[in-house]
Amino acid sequence: MRKLRLLFLASLAVLISSCANASASTPAMWHCFDEGWCSRMSPFVDQGKAVLAAEYTDTGARLATFCPKARNLGFDAILKKRNLGAWRRSC
């Protein structure tokens, strides 16, 4: 689990550092509302890029909680089940 978290954090660092790169595509984030780091992606929105946040039902995430936050940050957001099947709810 520690290695997976380190890999995730390294990927996050790459995403953040690419904010200055005009060719960076749409970033996608997992658990940012649950873990409290979504605001770190604001530079992408500031550059006019679309940002997708995905939260998962097994963390207790609720649309009523994170959708208003996503709207305030200028993100698109979805709620998914961990099995990553077709089921999803969008803000």
C-alpha atoms as a PDB file:
ATOM      1  CA  MET A   1       0.000   0.000   0.000  1.00  0.00           C
ATOM      2  CA  ARG A   2       2.860   2.401   0.803  1.00  0.00           C
ATOM      3  CA  LYS A   3       4.430   1.829  -2.635  1.00  0.00           C
ATOM      4  CA  LEU A   4       1.087   2.477  -4.314  1.00  0.00           C
ATOM      5  CA  ARG A   5       0.628   5.714  -2.370  1.00  0.00           C
ATOM      6  CA  LEU A   6       4.174   6.844  -3.271  1.00  0.00           C
ATOM      7  CA  LEU A   7       3.480   6.093  -6.931  1.00  0.00           C
ATOM      8  CA  PHE A   8       0.259   8.074  -6.732  1.00  0.00           C
ATOM      9  CA  LEU A   9       2.014  11.027  -5.084  1.00  0.00           C
ATOM     10  CA  ALA A  10       4.762  10.934  -7.719  1.00  0.00           C
ATOM     11  CA  SER A  11       2.088  11.013 -10.434  1.00  0.00           C
ATOM     12  CA  LEU A  12       0.437  13.931  -8.691  1.00  0.00           C
ATOM     13  CA  ALA A  13       3.755  15.791  -8.647  1.00  0.00           C
ATOM     14  CA  VAL A  14       4.088  15.274 -12.397  1.00  0.00           C
ATOM     15  CA  LEU A  15       0.570  16.630 -12.929  1.00  0.00           C
ATOM     16  CA  ILE A  16       1.250  19.681 -10.804  1.00  0.00           C
ATOM     17  CA  SER A  17       4.578  20.397 -12.466  1.00  0.00           C
ATOM     18  CA  SER A  18       2.943  20.206 -15.880  1.00  0.00           C
ATOM     19  CA  CYS A  19       0.710  23.181 -15.068  1.00  0.00           C
ATOM     20  CA  ALA A  20       3.169  25.474 -16.807  1.00  0.00           C
ATOM     21  CA  ASN A  21       3.205  23.246 -19.880  1.00  0.00           C
ATOM     22  CA  ALA A  22       0.665  24.513 -22.418  1.00  0.00           C
ATOM     23  CA  SER A  23       0.412  21.063 -23.991  1.00  0.00           C
ATOM     24  CA  ALA A  24      -0.750  19.384 -20.762  1.00  0.00           C
ATOM     25  CA  SER A  25      -4.068  17.631 -21.335  1.00  0.00           C
ATOM     26  CA  THR A  26      -7.077  17.294 -19.061  1.00  0.00           C
ATOM     27  CA  PRO A  27      -5.953  16.132 -15.632  1.00  0.00           C
ATOM     28  CA  ALA A  28      -8.017  13.524 -13.820  1.00  0.00           C
ATOM     29  CA  MET A  29      -7.884  13.141 -10.055  1.00  0.00           C
ATOM     30  CA  TRP A  30      -9.044  10.458  -7.660  1.00  0.00           C
ATOM     31  CA  HIS A  31     -10.018  11.041  -4.040  1.00  0.00           C
ATOM     32  CA  CYS A  32      -8.971  14.704  -4.026  1.00  0.00           C
ATOM     33  CA  PHE A  33     -12.088  15.819  -2.151  1.00  0.00           C
ATOM     34  CA  ASP A  34     -11.878  12.875   0.241  1.00  0.00           C
ATOM     35  CA  GLU A  35      -8.179  13.565   0.897  1.00  0.00           C
ATOM     36  CA  GLY A  36      -8.431  17.351   0.749  1.00  0.00           C
ATOM     37  CA  TRP A  37      -5.968  18.279  -1.999  1.00  0.00           C
ATOM     38  CA  CYS A  38      -8.236  19.373  -4.880  1.00  0.00           C
ATOM     39  CA  SER A  39      -7.243  23.030  -4.643  1.00  0.00           C
ATOM     40  CA  ARG A  40      -3.760  22.047  -5.850  1.00  0.00           C
ATOM     41  CA  MET A  41      -5.270  21.501  -9.291  1.00  0.00           C
ATOM     42  CA  SER A  42      -6.558  25.076  -9.598  1.00  0.00           C
ATOM     43  CA  PRO A  43      -3.639  26.094 -11.854  1.00  0.00           C
ATOM     44  CA  PHE A  44      -5.102  23.842 -14.551  1.00  0.00           C
ATOM     45  CA  VAL A  45      -8.461  25.628 -14.336  1.00  0.00           C
ATOM     46  CA  ASP A  46      -6.607  28.976 -14.367  1.00  0.00           C
ATOM     47  CA  GLN A  47      -5.079  27.901 -17.697  1.00  0.00           C
ATOM     48  CA  GLY A  48      -8.524  27.109 -19.110  1.00  0.00           C
ATOM     49  CA  LYS A  49      -8.081  23.341 -18.914  1.00  0.00           C
ATOM     50  CA  ALA A  50     -10.861  20.958 -17.975  1.00  0.00           C
ATOM     51  CA  VAL A  51     -10.348  19.060 -14.712  1.00  0.00           C
ATOM     52  CA  LEU A  52     -12.113  15.804 -13.837  1.00  0.00           C
ATOM     53  CA  ALA A  53     -12.366  14.661 -10.225  1.00  0.00           C
ATOM     54  CA  ALA A  54     -13.530  11.131  -9.431  1.00  0.00           C
ATOM     55  CA  GLU A  55     -14.649  10.102  -5.963  1.00  0.00           C
ATOM     56  CA  TYR A  56     -15.605   6.567  -4.946  1.00  0.00           C
ATOM     57  CA  THR A  57     -18.635   5.269  -3.087  1.00  0.00           C
ATOM     58  CA  ASP A  58     -16.571   3.105  -0.720  1.00  0.00           C
ATOM     59  CA  THR A  59     -14.983   6.226   0.815  1.00  0.00           C
ATOM     60  CA  GLY A  60     -18.389   7.547   1.845  1.00  0.00           C
ATOM     61  CA  ALA A  61     -18.246  10.341  -0.750  1.00  0.00           C
ATOM     62  CA  ARG A  62     -21.623  11.914  -1.507  1.00  0.00           C
ATOM     63  CA  LEU A  63     -22.609  14.050  -4.492  1.00  0.00           C
ATOM     64  CA  ALA A  64     -24.297  16.551  -2.187  1.00  0.00           C
ATOM     65  CA  THR A  65     -20.979  17.080  -0.419  1.00  0.00           C
ATOM     66  CA  PHE A  66     -18.372  17.230  -3.166  1.00  0.00           C
ATOM     67  CA  CYS A  67     -20.384  18.575  -6.126  1.00  0.00           C
ATOM     68  CA  PRO A  68     -20.720  22.113  -4.706  1.00  0.00           C
ATOM     69  CA  LYS A  69     -16.976  22.103  -3.969  1.00  0.00           C
ATOM     70  CA  ALA A  70     -16.221  20.885  -7.499  1.00  0.00           C
ATOM     71  CA  ARG A  71     -18.382  23.635  -9.004  1.00  0.00           C
ATOM     72  CA  ASN A  72     -16.631  26.277  -6.872  1.00  0.00           C
ATOM     73  CA  LEU A  73     -13.239  25.052  -8.094  1.00  0.00           C
ATOM     74  CA  GLY A  74     -14.393  24.836 -11.727  1.00  0.00           C
ATOM     75  CA  PHE A  75     -14.016  21.036 -11.931  1.00  0.00           C
ATOM     76  CA  ASP A  76     -16.199  18.358 -13.465  1.00  0.00           C
ATOM     77  CA  ALA A  77     -16.779  15.577 -10.944  1.00  0.00           C
ATOM     78  CA  ILE A  78     -18.199  12.075 -10.870  1.00  0.00           C
ATOM     79  CA  LEU A  79     -18.982   9.444  -8.272  1.00  0.00           C
ATOM     80  CA  LYS A  80     -17.927   5.884  -9.183  1.00  0.00           C
ATOM     81  CA  LYS A  81     -18.038   2.442  -7.641  1.00  0.00           C
ATOM     82  CA  ARG A  82     -14.590   0.971  -7.024  1.00  0.00           C
ATOM     83  CA  ASN A  83     -15.067  -1.839  -9.577  1.00  0.00           C
ATOM     84  CA  LEU A  84     -14.981   0.840 -12.331  1.00  0.00           C
ATOM     85  CA  GLY A  85     -17.935  -0.607 -14.176  1.00  0.00           C
ATOM     86  CA  ALA A  86     -20.310   1.588 -16.172  1.00  0.00           C
ATOM     87  CA  TRP A  87     -22.113   2.942 -13.069  1.00  0.00           C
ATOM     88  CA  ARG A  88     -21.456   6.594 -12.311  1.00  0.00           C
ATOM     89  CA  ARG A  89     -23.194   9.721 -11.075  1.00  0.00           C
ATOM     90  CA  SER A  90     -22.206  13.148 -12.312  1.00  0.00           C
ATOM     91  CA  CYS A  91     -22.520  16.489 -10.614  1.00  0.00           C
END
